[in-house]
Amino acid sequence: MEIRKATLADLETIAAVEAECFPPAEAASLESIRKRLTVFPDYFWVLFDGDKMVGFVNGMATDLPDLCDEMYDDANMHKADGKWQMIFGVDTIPEYRKQGCAERVLKQVIADTKAAGKLGLVLTCKDHLVHYYAKFGFVDEGISDSTHGGVVWHKMRLTF
């Protein structure tokens, strides 16, 4: 397995993986992913098994301390030297789940974020995933203000 940064050439595959991993109300659209890849491709960590993309993590950097719903569609909110790394999605296609794929990519994202001198990472997750992110050091700060996809999200923060 190999982790690399995404390029615009990965757009269709990333969109297909996103659609496979999230319900339509929560999945990023092709256009949203295109905007993200155009503005911050280095904030997409993609995992390949040979030539097959099996997952990815993406997000933006910002000085804002909390992830807000506007960030998902406004790529211009990205600030490369921002203090915080936001994580929009941790995607692993179904047949590769429970094999350590997401863990492998998340550890790389955490290491890269720390090496970049950021304060930490922020993500939101559903209740049943709080324990998963806690094993990486993320702390549950309670219910997020996010209404993304019409579901309840927990705000999770990993501070260095």
C-alpha atoms as a PDB file:
ATOM      1  CA  MET A   1       0.000   0.000   0.000  1.00  0.00           C
ATOM      2  CA  GLU A   2       1.153   3.495  -0.834  1.00  0.00           C
ATOM      3  CA  ILE A   3       0.043   6.922   0.391  1.00  0.00           C
ATOM      4  CA  ARG A   4       0.556   9.929  -1.853  1.00  0.00           C
ATOM      5  CA  LYS A   5      -0.879  13.390  -2.339  1.00  0.00           C
ATOM      6  CA  ALA A   6      -3.725  13.754  -4.813  1.00  0.00           C
ATOM      7  CA  THR A   7      -3.699  15.545  -8.136  1.00  0.00           C
ATOM      8  CA  LEU A   8      -6.529  16.856 -10.264  1.00  0.00           C
ATOM      9  CA  ALA A   9      -6.122  13.693 -12.358  1.00  0.00           C
ATOM     10  CA  ASP A  10      -7.509  11.783  -9.346  1.00  0.00           C
ATOM     11  CA  LEU A  11     -10.771  13.765  -9.353  1.00  0.00           C
ATOM     12  CA  GLU A  12     -13.114  11.128 -10.808  1.00  0.00           C
ATOM     13  CA  THR A  13     -11.709   8.332  -8.646  1.00  0.00           C
ATOM     14  CA  ILE A  14     -11.859  10.422  -5.473  1.00  0.00           C
ATOM     15  CA  ALA A  15     -15.468  11.353  -6.251  1.00  0.00           C
ATOM     16  CA  ALA A  16     -16.337   7.686  -6.820  1.00  0.00           C
ATOM     17  CA  VAL A  17     -14.726   6.651  -3.515  1.00  0.00           C
ATOM     18  CA  GLU A  18     -16.527   9.501  -1.712  1.00  0.00           C
ATOM     19  CA  ALA A  19     -19.873   8.404  -3.173  1.00  0.00           C
ATOM     20  CA  GLU A  20     -19.212   4.831  -2.068  1.00  0.00           C
ATOM     21  CA  CYS A  21     -18.309   5.856   1.477  1.00  0.00           C
ATOM     22  CA  PHE A  22     -20.969   8.420   2.387  1.00  0.00           C
ATOM     23  CA  PRO A  23     -24.728   8.752   1.902  1.00  0.00           C
ATOM     24  CA  PRO A  24     -25.674  11.299  -0.798  1.00  0.00           C
ATOM     25  CA  ALA A  25     -26.600  14.000   1.747  1.00  0.00           C
ATOM     26  CA  GLU A  26     -23.138  13.769   3.343  1.00  0.00           C
ATOM     27  CA  ALA A  27     -20.892  13.047   0.345  1.00  0.00           C
ATOM     28  CA  ALA A  28     -18.955  15.872  -1.279  1.00  0.00           C
ATOM     29  CA  SER A  29     -20.078  16.598  -4.819  1.00  0.00           C
ATOM     30  CA  LEU A  30     -17.794  16.249  -7.814  1.00  0.00           C
ATOM     31  CA  GLU A  31     -17.694  20.047  -8.098  1.00  0.00           C
ATOM     32  CA  SER A  32     -16.815  20.496  -4.421  1.00  0.00           C
ATOM     33  CA  ILE A  33     -14.002  17.946  -4.729  1.00  0.00           C
ATOM     34  CA  ARG A  34     -12.786  19.692  -7.899  1.00  0.00           C
ATOM     35  CA  LYS A  35     -12.600  23.027  -6.038  1.00  0.00           C
ATOM     36  CA  ARG A  36     -10.730  21.401  -3.158  1.00  0.00           C
ATOM     37  CA  LEU A  37      -8.251  19.659  -5.465  1.00  0.00           C
ATOM     38  CA  THR A  38      -7.662  22.891  -7.346  1.00  0.00           C
ATOM     39  CA  VAL A  39      -6.989  24.944  -4.200  1.00  0.00           C
ATOM     40  CA  PHE A  40      -5.401  22.439  -1.794  1.00  0.00           C
ATOM     41  CA  PRO A  41      -4.318  19.175  -3.464  1.00  0.00           C
ATOM     42  CA  ASP A  42      -1.588  18.692  -0.852  1.00  0.00           C
ATOM     43  CA  TYR A  43      -4.328  18.277   1.750  1.00  0.00           C
ATOM     44  CA  PHE A  44      -5.603  15.073   0.126  1.00  0.00           C
ATOM     45  CA  TRP A  45      -3.781  11.958   1.280  1.00  0.00           C
ATOM     46  CA  VAL A  46      -4.778   9.053  -0.977  1.00  0.00           C
ATOM     47  CA  LEU A  47      -4.155   5.378  -0.278  1.00  0.00           C
ATOM     48  CA  PHE A  48      -3.520   2.930  -3.089  1.00  0.00           C
ATOM     49  CA  ASP A  49      -3.327  -0.846  -3.182  1.00  0.00           C
ATOM     50  CA  GLY A  50      -1.332  -1.212  -6.384  1.00  0.00           C
ATOM     51  CA  ASP A  51      -3.142   1.000  -8.883  1.00  0.00           C
ATOM     52  CA  LYS A  52      -6.467   0.905  -7.003  1.00  0.00           C
ATOM     53  CA  MET A  53      -7.443   3.861  -4.807  1.00  0.00           C
ATOM     54  CA  VAL A  54      -8.883   2.333  -1.655  1.00  0.00           C
ATOM     55  CA  GLY A  55      -9.268   5.412   0.497  1.00  0.00           C
ATOM     56  CA  PHE A  56      -8.265   8.943   1.318  1.00  0.00           C
ATOM     57  CA  VAL A  57      -8.352  11.686   3.934  1.00  0.00           C
ATOM     58  CA  ASN A  58      -8.929  15.294   2.958  1.00  0.00           C
ATOM     59  CA  GLY A  59      -9.360  18.652   4.607  1.00  0.00           C
ATOM     60  CA  MET A  60      -8.068  22.203   4.716  1.00  0.00           C
ATOM     61  CA  ALA A  61      -5.833  24.266   6.944  1.00  0.00           C
ATOM     62  CA  THR A  62      -7.208  27.357   8.660  1.00  0.00           C
ATOM     63  CA  ASP A  63      -6.691  29.663  11.601  1.00  0.00           C
ATOM     64  CA  LEU A  64     -10.273  29.027  12.692  1.00  0.00           C
ATOM     65  CA  PRO A  65     -10.318  26.626  15.660  1.00  0.00           C
ATOM     66  CA  ASP A  66     -13.510  24.792  14.688  1.00  0.00           C
ATOM     67  CA  LEU A  67     -14.734  23.072  11.560  1.00  0.00           C
ATOM     68  CA  CYS A  68     -17.787  24.817  10.118  1.00  0.00           C
ATOM     69  CA  ASP A  69     -20.120  23.631   7.365  1.00  0.00           C
ATOM     70  CA  GLU A  70     -19.085  26.466   5.024  1.00  0.00           C
ATOM     71  CA  MET A  71     -15.605  24.957   4.757  1.00  0.00           C
ATOM     72  CA  TYR A  72     -16.900  21.913   2.888  1.00  0.00           C
ATOM     73  CA  ASP A  73     -17.853  23.951  -0.173  1.00  0.00           C
ATOM     74  CA  ASP A  74     -15.720  27.098   0.101  1.00  0.00           C
ATOM     75  CA  ALA A  75     -12.202  25.969  -0.750  1.00  0.00           C
ATOM     76  CA  ASN A  76     -11.040  29.578  -0.544  1.00  0.00           C
ATOM     77  CA  MET A  77     -11.299  29.378   3.239  1.00  0.00           C
ATOM     78  CA  HIS A  78      -8.103  27.298   3.093  1.00  0.00           C
ATOM     79  CA  LYS A  79      -4.997  28.976   4.492  1.00  0.00           C
ATOM     80  CA  ALA A  80      -1.889  26.850   3.934  1.00  0.00           C
ATOM     81  CA  ASP A  81      -0.106  28.301   6.961  1.00  0.00           C
ATOM     82  CA  GLY A  82      -3.234  28.071   9.122  1.00  0.00           C
ATOM     83  CA  LYS A  83      -2.861  26.885  12.703  1.00  0.00           C
ATOM     84  CA  TRP A  84      -5.376  24.024  12.484  1.00  0.00           C
ATOM     85  CA  GLN A  85      -5.799  21.080  10.107  1.00  0.00           C
ATOM     86  CA  MET A  86      -9.458  20.339   9.441  1.00  0.00           C
ATOM     87  CA  ILE A  87     -10.427  16.859   8.298  1.00  0.00           C
ATOM     88  CA  PHE A  88     -13.501  16.700   6.078  1.00  0.00           C
ATOM     89  CA  GLY A  89     -13.572  12.993   5.455  1.00  0.00           C
ATOM     90  CA  VAL A  90     -11.875   9.708   6.201  1.00  0.00           C
ATOM     91  CA  ASP A  91     -12.870   7.430   3.323  1.00  0.00           C
ATOM     92  CA  THR A  92     -12.171   3.721   2.889  1.00  0.00           C
ATOM     93  CA  ILE A  93     -14.037   1.659   0.319  1.00  0.00           C
ATOM     94  CA  PRO A  94     -16.108  -1.117   1.921  1.00  0.00           C
ATOM     95  CA  GLU A  95     -14.012  -4.101   0.856  1.00  0.00           C
ATOM     96  CA  TYR A  96     -10.908  -2.557   2.506  1.00  0.00           C
ATOM     97  CA  ARG A  97     -12.506  -1.625   5.830  1.00  0.00           C
ATOM     98  CA  LYS A  98     -11.352  -3.175   9.103  1.00  0.00           C
ATOM     99  CA  GLN A  99      -7.891  -3.791   7.620  1.00  0.00           C
ATOM    100  CA  GLY A 100      -6.094  -0.745   9.056  1.00  0.00           C
ATOM    101  CA  CYS A 101      -6.371   1.399   5.919  1.00  0.00           C
ATOM    102  CA  ALA A 102      -7.941   4.445   7.556  1.00  0.00           C
ATOM    103  CA  GLU A 103      -5.526   4.123  10.464  1.00  0.00           C
ATOM    104  CA  ARG A 104      -2.556   4.107   8.111  1.00  0.00           C
ATOM    105  CA  VAL A 105      -3.689   7.296   6.354  1.00  0.00           C
ATOM    106  CA  LEU A 106      -4.734   9.057   9.561  1.00  0.00           C
ATOM    107  CA  LYS A 107      -1.337   8.394  11.138  1.00  0.00           C
ATOM    108  CA  GLN A 108       0.301   9.955   8.072  1.00  0.00           C
ATOM    109  CA  VAL A 109      -2.006  12.991   8.219  1.00  0.00           C
ATOM    110  CA  ILE A 110      -1.284  13.428  11.932  1.00  0.00           C
ATOM    111  CA  ALA A 111       2.476  13.140  11.376  1.00  0.00           C
ATOM    112  CA  ASP A 112       2.425  15.589   8.451  1.00  0.00           C
ATOM    113  CA  THR A 113       0.297  18.049  10.411  1.00  0.00           C
ATOM    114  CA  LYS A 114       2.623  17.899  13.398  1.00  0.00           C
ATOM    115  CA  ALA A 115       5.684  18.297  11.157  1.00  0.00           C
ATOM    116  CA  ALA A 116       4.054  21.384   9.598  1.00  0.00           C
ATOM    117  CA  GLY A 117       3.951  23.005  13.050  1.00  0.00           C
ATOM    118  CA  LYS A 118       0.179  23.226  13.306  1.00  0.00           C
ATOM    119  CA  LEU A 119      -1.615  23.238  16.666  1.00  0.00           C
ATOM    120  CA  GLY A 120      -3.542  20.076  15.831  1.00  0.00           C
ATOM    121  CA  LEU A 121      -6.425  18.586  13.889  1.00  0.00           C
ATOM    122  CA  VAL A 122     -10.207  18.904  14.058  1.00  0.00           C
ATOM    123  CA  LEU A 123     -12.870  16.635  12.601  1.00  0.00           C
ATOM    124  CA  THR A 124     -16.490  15.783  13.159  1.00  0.00           C
ATOM    125  CA  CYS A 125     -17.851  12.270  13.398  1.00  0.00           C
ATOM    126  CA  LYS A 126     -20.977  10.348  14.239  1.00  0.00           C
ATOM    127  CA  ASP A 127     -21.489   8.977  17.739  1.00  0.00           C
ATOM    128  CA  HIS A 128     -20.437   5.419  16.879  1.00  0.00           C
ATOM    129  CA  LEU A 129     -17.001   6.637  15.680  1.00  0.00           C
ATOM    130  CA  VAL A 130     -16.033   8.722  18.720  1.00  0.00           C
ATOM    131  CA  HIS A 131     -14.128   5.786  20.251  1.00  0.00           C
ATOM    132  CA  TYR A 132     -12.300   5.144  16.954  1.00  0.00           C
ATOM    133  CA  TYR A 133     -10.861   8.654  16.739  1.00  0.00           C
ATOM    134  CA  ALA A 134     -10.132   8.697  20.482  1.00  0.00           C
ATOM    135  CA  LYS A 135      -7.529   5.969  19.955  1.00  0.00           C
ATOM    136  CA  PHE A 136      -5.505   8.479  17.891  1.00  0.00           C
ATOM    137  CA  GLY A 137      -5.713  11.062  20.681  1.00  0.00           C
ATOM    138  CA  PHE A 138      -8.751  13.020  19.475  1.00  0.00           C
ATOM    139  CA  VAL A 139     -10.870  14.361  22.333  1.00  0.00           C
ATOM    140  CA  ASP A 140     -14.655  14.578  22.076  1.00  0.00           C
ATOM    141  CA  GLU A 141     -15.660  18.199  22.666  1.00  0.00           C
ATOM    142  CA  GLY A 142     -19.363  17.418  22.474  1.00  0.00           C
ATOM    143  CA  ILE A 143     -21.972  17.920  19.801  1.00  0.00           C
ATOM    144  CA  SER A 144     -20.821  20.100  16.910  1.00  0.00           C
ATOM    145  CA  ASP A 145     -22.811  23.014  15.512  1.00  0.00           C
ATOM    146  CA  SER A 146     -22.600  21.262  12.142  1.00  0.00           C
ATOM    147  CA  THR A 147     -25.820  20.333  10.414  1.00  0.00           C
ATOM    148  CA  HIS A 148     -23.998  18.796   7.434  1.00  0.00           C
ATOM    149  CA  GLY A 149     -26.076  16.038   5.876  1.00  0.00           C
ATOM    150  CA  GLY A 150     -28.818  16.547   8.456  1.00  0.00           C
ATOM    151  CA  VAL A 151     -27.137  14.357  11.093  1.00  0.00           C
ATOM    152  CA  VAL A 152     -25.648  14.874  14.566  1.00  0.00           C
ATOM    153  CA  TRP A 153     -21.869  15.240  14.636  1.00  0.00           C
ATOM    154  CA  HIS A 154     -19.355  15.166  17.494  1.00  0.00           C
ATOM    155  CA  LYS A 155     -16.557  17.722  17.402  1.00  0.00           C
ATOM    156  CA  MET A 156     -13.244  15.918  17.848  1.00  0.00           C
ATOM    157  CA  ARG A 157      -9.890  17.657  18.412  1.00  0.00           C
ATOM    158  CA  LEU A 158      -6.320  16.382  18.561  1.00  0.00           C
ATOM    159  CA  THR A 159      -4.045  19.041  20.038  1.00  0.00           C
ATOM    160  CA  PHE A 160      -0.269  18.704  19.890  1.00  0.00           C
END
